[in-house]
Amino acid sequence: MIVSIAQPAYIPWLGYFDRISKSDIHIVLDNVMMDGSSKTKFANRNKIRTPNGWSWLTVPLRAVSRSDEKAISDLEITSGMNWPEKHWKTMQSNYSRSAYYSNYSDYFKSFYQQTWIYLAPMLEESTRFLLQELGIQTQQLKSSKLSPRSKKSDLILELCLIVGATTYLSGPLGRDYLDVDAFEKAGIDLKYHDYIHPSYDQCFDGFVPYMSVVDLLFNHGEKSLEILTS
């Protein structure tokens, strides 16, 4: 059984979905604090294509003190800000002329009209829709529901053991912190997902990689999974 584990992300990039598609079970790592690295922080933001290259779409989060750090499952979205309207208008202005805009525009319009208080339910809903539209049927589990007790590399191993993994498909950064010997002793084959990003036609001249998967869907519709996994 191939298992992958990753923090939830806001309208994730192609590689996020490719790793899920190659797994039998995907565990959403929502019982840890959000990754704060400027290079890998995607729980509340992602990139979309624009005429000038790309632009961030960022969901504002309610600030928490270091003494009150919260897991992703408990993070609150800042109230009183019009970020949903801004995100929807940005999508409209950049993708309204794309070939498959009408396939997904009603969903995203409705999605951004909802009131989201916590980050996790919002990510769960948008990711559910994106998986559905891509045609990926991998079973999804939440780490917060599996009640693990370990941390860091031990946490990943414990989650794999809980669900009966025979192979763990890690992201490439797992090379920096996973205990290879511990996985070997547990009888779990450790593999790394080194995603090779495909090129595809975008709305604007040139190709810019590492955009949110919505960029691929708006431009290629039902062909997106084939391109994504190529």
C-alpha atoms as a PDB file:
ATOM      1  CA  MET A   1       0.000   0.000   0.000  1.00  0.00           C
ATOM      2  CA  ILE A   2       1.460   3.338  -1.087  1.00  0.00           C
ATOM      3  CA  VAL A   3       0.878   6.200   1.344  1.00  0.00           C
ATOM      4  CA  SER A   4       1.641   9.896   0.952  1.00  0.00           C
ATOM      5  CA  ILE A   5       1.393  12.587   3.622  1.00  0.00           C
ATOM      6  CA  ALA A   6       1.329  16.365   3.202  1.00  0.00           C
ATOM      7  CA  GLN A   7       0.057  19.495   4.870  1.00  0.00           C
ATOM      8  CA  PRO A   8      -3.144  20.805   3.282  1.00  0.00           C
ATOM      9  CA  ALA A   9      -2.642  23.581   0.761  1.00  0.00           C
ATOM     10  CA  TYR A  10      -4.693  26.331  -0.824  1.00  0.00           C
ATOM     11  CA  ILE A  11      -5.552  25.516  -4.477  1.00  0.00           C
ATOM     12  CA  PRO A  12      -2.313  23.441  -4.683  1.00  0.00           C
ATOM     13  CA  TRP A  13       0.182  23.112  -7.516  1.00  0.00           C
ATOM     14  CA  LEU A  14       0.387  20.188  -9.947  1.00  0.00           C
ATOM     15  CA  GLY A  15       2.971  18.151  -8.036  1.00  0.00           C
ATOM     16  CA  TYR A  16       0.723  18.037  -4.972  1.00  0.00           C
ATOM     17  CA  PHE A  17      -1.952  16.234  -6.965  1.00  0.00           C
ATOM     18  CA  ASP A  18       0.473  14.018  -8.850  1.00  0.00           C
ATOM     19  CA  ARG A  19       1.769  12.560  -5.579  1.00  0.00           C
ATOM     20  CA  ILE A  20      -1.789  11.942  -4.375  1.00  0.00           C
ATOM     21  CA  SER A  21      -2.664  10.238  -7.667  1.00  0.00           C
ATOM     22  CA  LYS A  22       0.260   7.845  -7.201  1.00  0.00           C
ATOM     23  CA  SER A  23      -0.905   6.878  -3.684  1.00  0.00           C
ATOM     24  CA  ASP A  24      -3.467   4.410  -2.360  1.00  0.00           C
ATOM     25  CA  ILE A  25      -4.012   6.567   0.739  1.00  0.00           C
ATOM     26  CA  HIS A  26      -3.194  10.225   1.209  1.00  0.00           C
ATOM     27  CA  ILE A  27      -3.016  11.599   4.762  1.00  0.00           C
ATOM     28  CA  VAL A  28      -3.730  15.302   5.205  1.00  0.00           C
ATOM     29  CA  LEU A  29      -1.271  16.461   7.853  1.00  0.00           C
ATOM     30  CA  ASP A  30      -3.510  18.889   9.725  1.00  0.00           C
ATOM     31  CA  ASN A  31      -2.444  18.268  13.343  1.00  0.00           C
ATOM     32  CA  VAL A  32       0.869  20.158  13.022  1.00  0.00           C
ATOM     33  CA  MET A  33       1.710  23.846  12.864  1.00  0.00           C
ATOM     34  CA  MET A  34       1.674  25.427   9.426  1.00  0.00           C
ATOM     35  CA  ASP A  35       4.947  25.426   7.539  1.00  0.00           C
ATOM     36  CA  GLY A  36       6.319  28.931   7.970  1.00  0.00           C
ATOM     37  CA  SER A  37       9.111  28.832   5.391  1.00  0.00           C
ATOM     38  CA  SER A  38       8.816  31.562   2.775  1.00  0.00           C
ATOM     39  CA  LYS A  39       9.656  28.986   0.075  1.00  0.00           C
ATOM     40  CA  THR A  40       7.371  26.138   1.119  1.00  0.00           C
ATOM     41  CA  LYS A  41       4.476  27.920   2.842  1.00  0.00           C
ATOM     42  CA  PHE A  42       1.381  27.055   0.798  1.00  0.00           C
ATOM     43  CA  ALA A  43      -1.332  26.252   3.342  1.00  0.00           C
ATOM     44  CA  ASN A  44      -2.902  29.680   2.850  1.00  0.00           C
ATOM     45  CA  ARG A  45      -1.507  30.900  -0.469  1.00  0.00           C
ATOM     46  CA  ASN A  46      -0.670  29.925  -4.024  1.00  0.00           C
ATOM     47  CA  LYS A  47       0.207  31.378  -7.413  1.00  0.00           C
ATOM     48  CA  ILE A  48      -1.882  31.967 -10.511  1.00  0.00           C
ATOM     49  CA  ARG A  49      -0.803  33.076 -13.979  1.00  0.00           C
ATOM     50  CA  THR A  50      -1.090  36.721 -15.035  1.00  0.00           C
ATOM     51  CA  PRO A  51       0.018  38.724 -18.094  1.00  0.00           C
ATOM     52  CA  ASN A  52       3.072  39.830 -16.100  1.00  0.00           C
ATOM     53  CA  GLY A  53       4.065  36.344 -14.936  1.00  0.00           C
ATOM     54  CA  TRP A  54       2.263  35.299 -11.768  1.00  0.00           C
ATOM     55  CA  SER A  55       0.571  36.626  -8.657  1.00  0.00           C
ATOM     56  CA  TRP A  56      -0.016  35.350  -5.134  1.00  0.00           C
ATOM     57  CA  LEU A  57      -3.512  34.634  -3.842  1.00  0.00           C
ATOM     58  CA  THR A  58      -3.210  34.697  -0.048  1.00  0.00           C
ATOM     59  CA  VAL A  59      -5.837  33.885   2.564  1.00  0.00           C
ATOM     60  CA  PRO A  60      -5.223  36.176   5.588  1.00  0.00           C
ATOM     61  CA  LEU A  61      -4.951  34.328   8.877  1.00  0.00           C
ATOM     62  CA  ARG A  62      -5.688  35.539  12.364  1.00  0.00           C
ATOM     63  CA  ALA A  63      -2.387  36.163  14.120  1.00  0.00           C
ATOM     64  CA  VAL A  64      -1.457  33.919  17.044  1.00  0.00           C
ATOM     65  CA  SER A  65       1.260  34.427  19.618  1.00  0.00           C
ATOM     66  CA  ARG A  66       4.155  32.014  20.015  1.00  0.00           C
ATOM     67  CA  SER A  67       2.660  30.913  23.320  1.00  0.00           C
ATOM     68  CA  ASP A  68      -0.608  30.093  21.553  1.00  0.00           C
ATOM     69  CA  GLU A  69       0.625  28.422  18.377  1.00  0.00           C
ATOM     70  CA  LYS A  70      -2.099  26.359  16.761  1.00  0.00           C
ATOM     71  CA  ALA A  71      -2.273  23.334  14.515  1.00  0.00           C
ATOM     72  CA  ILE A  72      -3.501  23.849  10.959  1.00  0.00           C
ATOM     73  CA  SER A  73      -6.858  22.330  11.924  1.00  0.00           C
ATOM     74  CA  ASP A  74      -7.400  25.202  14.384  1.00  0.00           C
ATOM     75  CA  LEU A  75      -6.209  28.188  12.351  1.00  0.00           C
ATOM     76  CA  GLU A  76      -8.757  30.964  11.914  1.00  0.00           C
ATOM     77  CA  ILE A  77      -9.144  33.203   8.881  1.00  0.00           C
ATOM     78  CA  THR A  78      -9.047  36.930   9.528  1.00  0.00           C
ATOM     79  CA  SER A  79     -12.584  38.308   9.511  1.00  0.00           C
ATOM     80  CA  GLY A  80     -13.730  41.601   8.048  1.00  0.00           C
ATOM     81  CA  MET A  81     -11.483  41.472   4.987  1.00  0.00           C
ATOM     82  CA  ASN A  82     -12.634  41.161   1.390  1.00  0.00           C
ATOM     83  CA  TRP A  83     -10.041  38.589   0.302  1.00  0.00           C
ATOM     84  CA  PRO A  84     -12.682  36.219  -1.203  1.00  0.00           C
ATOM     85  CA  GLU A  85     -13.903  38.943  -3.542  1.00  0.00           C
ATOM     86  CA  LYS A  86     -10.327  39.853  -4.480  1.00  0.00           C
ATOM     87  CA  HIS A  87      -9.406  36.236  -5.197  1.00  0.00           C
ATOM     88  CA  TRP A  88     -12.493  35.680  -7.325  1.00  0.00           C
ATOM     89  CA  LYS A  89     -12.002  38.906  -9.294  1.00  0.00           C
ATOM     90  CA  THR A  90      -8.347  38.008  -9.859  1.00  0.00           C
ATOM     91  CA  MET A  91      -9.357  34.605 -11.221  1.00  0.00           C
ATOM     92  CA  GLN A  92     -11.994  36.209 -13.417  1.00  0.00           C
ATOM     93  CA  SER A  93      -9.667  38.824 -14.874  1.00  0.00           C
ATOM     94  CA  ASN A  94      -6.926  36.304 -15.678  1.00  0.00           C
ATOM     95  CA  TYR A  95      -8.902  33.241 -16.780  1.00  0.00           C
ATOM     96  CA  SER A  96     -12.205  34.514 -18.232  1.00  0.00           C
ATOM     97  CA  ARG A  97     -10.881  33.964 -21.766  1.00  0.00           C
ATOM     98  CA  SER A  98      -9.427  30.517 -21.083  1.00  0.00           C
ATOM     99  CA  ALA A  99     -10.887  27.548 -22.964  1.00  0.00           C
ATOM    100  CA  TYR A 100     -12.516  25.866 -19.954  1.00  0.00           C
ATOM    101  CA  TYR A 101     -13.354  28.867 -17.785  1.00  0.00           C
ATOM    102  CA  SER A 102     -17.104  28.171 -17.926  1.00  0.00           C
ATOM    103  CA  ASN A 103     -16.547  24.613 -16.631  1.00  0.00           C
ATOM    104  CA  TYR A 104     -15.341  25.842 -13.245  1.00  0.00           C
ATOM    105  CA  SER A 105     -16.391  29.479 -12.869  1.00  0.00           C
ATOM    106  CA  ASP A 106     -19.754  28.730 -11.208  1.00  0.00           C
ATOM    107  CA  TYR A 107     -18.065  26.617  -8.558  1.00  0.00           C
ATOM    108  CA  PHE A 108     -15.411  29.173  -7.691  1.00  0.00           C
ATOM    109  CA  LYS A 109     -17.905  32.019  -7.677  1.00  0.00           C
ATOM    110  CA  SER A 110     -20.004  30.081  -5.143  1.00  0.00           C
ATOM    111  CA  PHE A 111     -16.929  29.014  -3.188  1.00  0.00           C
ATOM    112  CA  TYR A 112     -15.793  32.611  -2.699  1.00  0.00           C
ATOM    113  CA  GLN A 113     -19.286  33.728  -1.718  1.00  0.00           C
ATOM    114  CA  GLN A 114     -19.249  31.432   1.311  1.00  0.00           C
ATOM    115  CA  THR A 115     -18.160  32.621   4.741  1.00  0.00           C
ATOM    116  CA  TRP A 116     -15.067  30.740   5.852  1.00  0.00           C
ATOM    117  CA  ILE A 117     -14.094  31.044   9.523  1.00  0.00           C
ATOM    118  CA  TYR A 118     -11.455  28.319   9.785  1.00  0.00           C
ATOM    119  CA  LEU A 119      -8.779  27.556   7.230  1.00  0.00           C
ATOM    120  CA  ALA A 120      -8.946  23.741   7.321  1.00  0.00           C
ATOM    121  CA  PRO A 121     -12.598  23.323   6.191  1.00  0.00           C
ATOM    122  CA  MET A 122     -11.993  25.775   3.360  1.00  0.00           C
ATOM    123  CA  LEU A 123      -8.942  23.825   2.175  1.00  0.00           C
ATOM    124  CA  GLU A 124     -10.797  20.536   2.503  1.00  0.00           C
ATOM    125  CA  GLU A 125     -13.673  21.753   0.342  1.00  0.00           C
ATOM    126  CA  SER A 126     -11.590  23.313  -2.425  1.00  0.00           C
ATOM    127  CA  THR A 127      -9.226  20.315  -2.563  1.00  0.00           C
ATOM    128  CA  ARG A 128     -12.195  17.938  -2.677  1.00  0.00           C
ATOM    129  CA  PHE A 129     -13.534  19.765  -5.720  1.00  0.00           C
ATOM    130  CA  LEU A 130     -10.150  19.856  -7.465  1.00  0.00           C
ATOM    131  CA  LEU A 131      -9.579  16.123  -6.883  1.00  0.00           C
ATOM    132  CA  GLN A 132     -13.050  15.414  -8.226  1.00  0.00           C
ATOM    133  CA  GLU A 133     -12.518  17.482 -11.367  1.00  0.00           C
ATOM    134  CA  LEU A 134      -9.129  15.892 -11.981  1.00  0.00           C
ATOM    135  CA  GLY A 135     -10.613  12.429 -11.544  1.00  0.00           C
ATOM    136  CA  ILE A 136      -8.323  11.403  -8.668  1.00  0.00           C
ATOM    137  CA  GLN A 137     -10.058   8.935  -6.333  1.00  0.00           C
ATOM    138  CA  THR A 138      -7.311   8.285  -3.763  1.00  0.00           C
ATOM    139  CA  GLN A 139      -8.650   7.740  -0.243  1.00  0.00           C
ATOM    140  CA  GLN A 140      -8.151  10.779   2.015  1.00  0.00           C
ATOM    141  CA  LEU A 141      -7.565  10.651   5.774  1.00  0.00           C
ATOM    142  CA  LYS A 142      -6.808  13.385   8.309  1.00  0.00           C
ATOM    143  CA  SER A 143      -3.888  12.976  10.675  1.00  0.00           C
ATOM    144  CA  SER A 144      -5.899  14.720  13.405  1.00  0.00           C
ATOM    145  CA  LYS A 145      -8.410  11.851  13.274  1.00  0.00           C
ATOM    146  CA  LEU A 146      -5.702   9.172  13.527  1.00  0.00           C
ATOM    147  CA  SER A 147      -4.488  10.447  16.943  1.00  0.00           C
ATOM    148  CA  PRO A 148      -0.713  10.065  16.458  1.00  0.00           C
ATOM    149  CA  ARG A 149       1.589  10.958  19.365  1.00  0.00           C
ATOM    150  CA  SER A 150       4.957  11.399  17.684  1.00  0.00           C
ATOM    151  CA  LYS A 151       6.634  14.413  16.069  1.00  0.00           C
ATOM    152  CA  LYS A 152       8.646  15.173  12.932  1.00  0.00           C
ATOM    153  CA  SER A 153      10.080  12.058  11.234  1.00  0.00           C
ATOM    154  CA  ASP A 154       8.620   9.803  13.936  1.00  0.00           C
ATOM    155  CA  LEU A 155       5.184  11.303  13.256  1.00  0.00           C
ATOM    156  CA  ILE A 156       5.365  10.389   9.578  1.00  0.00           C
ATOM    157  CA  LEU A 157       6.467   6.862  10.392  1.00  0.00           C
ATOM    158  CA  GLU A 158       3.738   6.441  13.015  1.00  0.00           C
ATOM    159  CA  LEU A 159       1.051   7.556  10.573  1.00  0.00           C
ATOM    160  CA  CYS A 160       2.356   5.090   7.988  1.00  0.00           C
ATOM    161  CA  LEU A 161       2.200   2.287  10.545  1.00  0.00           C
ATOM    162  CA  ILE A 162      -1.324   3.236  11.639  1.00  0.00           C
ATOM    163  CA  VAL A 163      -2.702   2.857   8.112  1.00  0.00           C
ATOM    164  CA  GLY A 164      -0.590  -0.173   7.191  1.00  0.00           C
ATOM    165  CA  ALA A 165       1.710   1.397   4.604  1.00  0.00           C
ATOM    166  CA  THR A 166       4.175  -0.796   2.736  1.00  0.00           C
ATOM    167  CA  THR A 167       5.586   2.190   0.810  1.00  0.00           C
ATOM    168  CA  TYR A 168       5.834   5.811   1.869  1.00  0.00           C
ATOM    169  CA  LEU A 169       5.950   8.281  -1.032  1.00  0.00           C
ATOM    170  CA  SER A 170       7.643  11.332   0.443  1.00  0.00           C
ATOM    171  CA  GLY A 171       8.093  14.775  -1.008  1.00  0.00           C
ATOM    172  CA  PRO A 172      11.711  15.544  -2.009  1.00  0.00           C
ATOM    173  CA  LEU A 173      12.350  17.561   1.166  1.00  0.00           C
ATOM    174  CA  GLY A 174      11.858  14.356   3.149  1.00  0.00           C
ATOM    175  CA  ARG A 175      15.499  13.611   2.376  1.00  0.00           C
ATOM    176  CA  ASP A 176      16.413  16.322   4.876  1.00  0.00           C
ATOM    177  CA  TYR A 177      14.632  14.923   7.920  1.00  0.00           C
ATOM    178  CA  LEU A 178      13.258  11.392   7.517  1.00  0.00           C
ATOM    179  CA  ASP A 179      14.973   8.598   9.450  1.00  0.00           C
ATOM    180  CA  VAL A 180      15.703   6.116   6.656  1.00  0.00           C
ATOM    181  CA  ASP A 181      16.838   3.376   9.065  1.00  0.00           C
ATOM    182  CA  ALA A 182      13.623   3.630  11.083  1.00  0.00           C
ATOM    183  CA  PHE A 183      11.514   3.135   7.968  1.00  0.00           C
ATOM    184  CA  GLU A 184      13.659   0.194   6.912  1.00  0.00           C
ATOM    185  CA  LYS A 185      13.333  -1.454  10.326  1.00  0.00           C
ATOM    186  CA  ALA A 186       9.552  -0.966  10.143  1.00  0.00           C
ATOM    187  CA  GLY A 187       9.462  -2.740   6.789  1.00  0.00           C
ATOM    188  CA  ILE A 188       8.299   0.346   4.903  1.00  0.00           C
ATOM    189  CA  ASP A 189       9.892   1.141   1.552  1.00  0.00           C
ATOM    190  CA  LEU A 190      10.813   4.837   1.437  1.00  0.00           C
ATOM    191  CA  LYS A 191      10.537   6.541  -1.949  1.00  0.00           C
ATOM    192  CA  TYR A 192      10.762  10.192  -2.972  1.00  0.00           C
ATOM    193  CA  HIS A 193       8.455  12.029  -5.328  1.00  0.00           C
ATOM    194  CA  ASP A 194      10.690  14.116  -7.592  1.00  0.00           C
ATOM    195  CA  TYR A 195       8.088  15.756  -9.795  1.00  0.00           C
ATOM    196  CA  ILE A 196       9.087  16.758 -13.309  1.00  0.00           C
ATOM    197  CA  HIS A 197       6.829  19.678 -14.215  1.00  0.00           C
ATOM    198  CA  PRO A 198       5.129  19.421 -17.633  1.00  0.00           C
ATOM    199  CA  SER A 199       4.721  22.355 -19.991  1.00  0.00           C
ATOM    200  CA  TYR A 200       1.294  23.270 -21.363  1.00  0.00           C
ATOM    201  CA  ASP A 201      -0.471  26.148 -23.113  1.00  0.00           C
ATOM    202  CA  GLN A 202      -1.413  28.988 -20.780  1.00  0.00           C
ATOM    203  CA  CYS A 203      -3.574  32.067 -21.273  1.00  0.00           C
ATOM    204  CA  PHE A 204      -0.593  34.329 -21.833  1.00  0.00           C
ATOM    205  CA  ASP A 205       2.586  34.143 -23.889  1.00  0.00           C
ATOM    206  CA  GLY A 206       5.411  32.024 -22.547  1.00  0.00           C
ATOM    207  CA  PHE A 207       5.156  29.282 -19.947  1.00  0.00           C
ATOM    208  CA  VAL A 208       5.433  29.834 -16.202  1.00  0.00           C
ATOM    209  CA  PRO A 209       5.621  26.635 -14.085  1.00  0.00           C
ATOM    210  CA  TYR A 210       4.555  25.985 -10.487  1.00  0.00           C
ATOM    211  CA  MET A 211       1.169  27.662 -10.713  1.00  0.00           C
ATOM    212  CA  SER A 212      -1.929  26.477  -8.859  1.00  0.00           C
ATOM    213  CA  VAL A 213      -3.635  23.562 -10.555  1.00  0.00           C
ATOM    214  CA  VAL A 214      -6.537  25.907 -11.379  1.00  0.00           C
ATOM    215  CA  ASP A 215      -4.304  27.320 -14.111  1.00  0.00           C
ATOM    216  CA  LEU A 216      -4.146  23.897 -15.753  1.00  0.00           C
ATOM    217  CA  LEU A 217      -7.869  23.218 -15.314  1.00  0.00           C
ATOM    218  CA  PHE A 218      -9.007  26.540 -16.760  1.00  0.00           C
ATOM    219  CA  ASN A 219      -6.789  25.999 -19.794  1.00  0.00           C
ATOM    220  CA  HIS A 220      -7.144  22.261 -20.411  1.00  0.00           C
ATOM    221  CA  GLY A 221     -10.222  20.958 -18.596  1.00  0.00           C
ATOM    222  CA  GLU A 222     -10.690  17.190 -18.779  1.00  0.00           C
ATOM    223  CA  LYS A 223      -7.200  16.734 -20.246  1.00  0.00           C
ATOM    224  CA  SER A 224      -5.622  18.117 -17.059  1.00  0.00           C
ATOM    225  CA  LEU A 225      -4.918  14.811 -15.303  1.00  0.00           C
ATOM    226  CA  GLU A 226      -3.214  13.406 -18.381  1.00  0.00           C
ATOM    227  CA  ILE A 227      -0.986  16.484 -18.584  1.00  0.00           C
ATOM    228  CA  LEU A 228      -0.396  16.605 -14.837  1.00  0.00           C
ATOM    229  CA  THR A 229       0.805  12.992 -14.651  1.00  0.00           C
ATOM    230  CA  SER A 230       2.799  13.058 -17.869  1.00  0.00           C
END
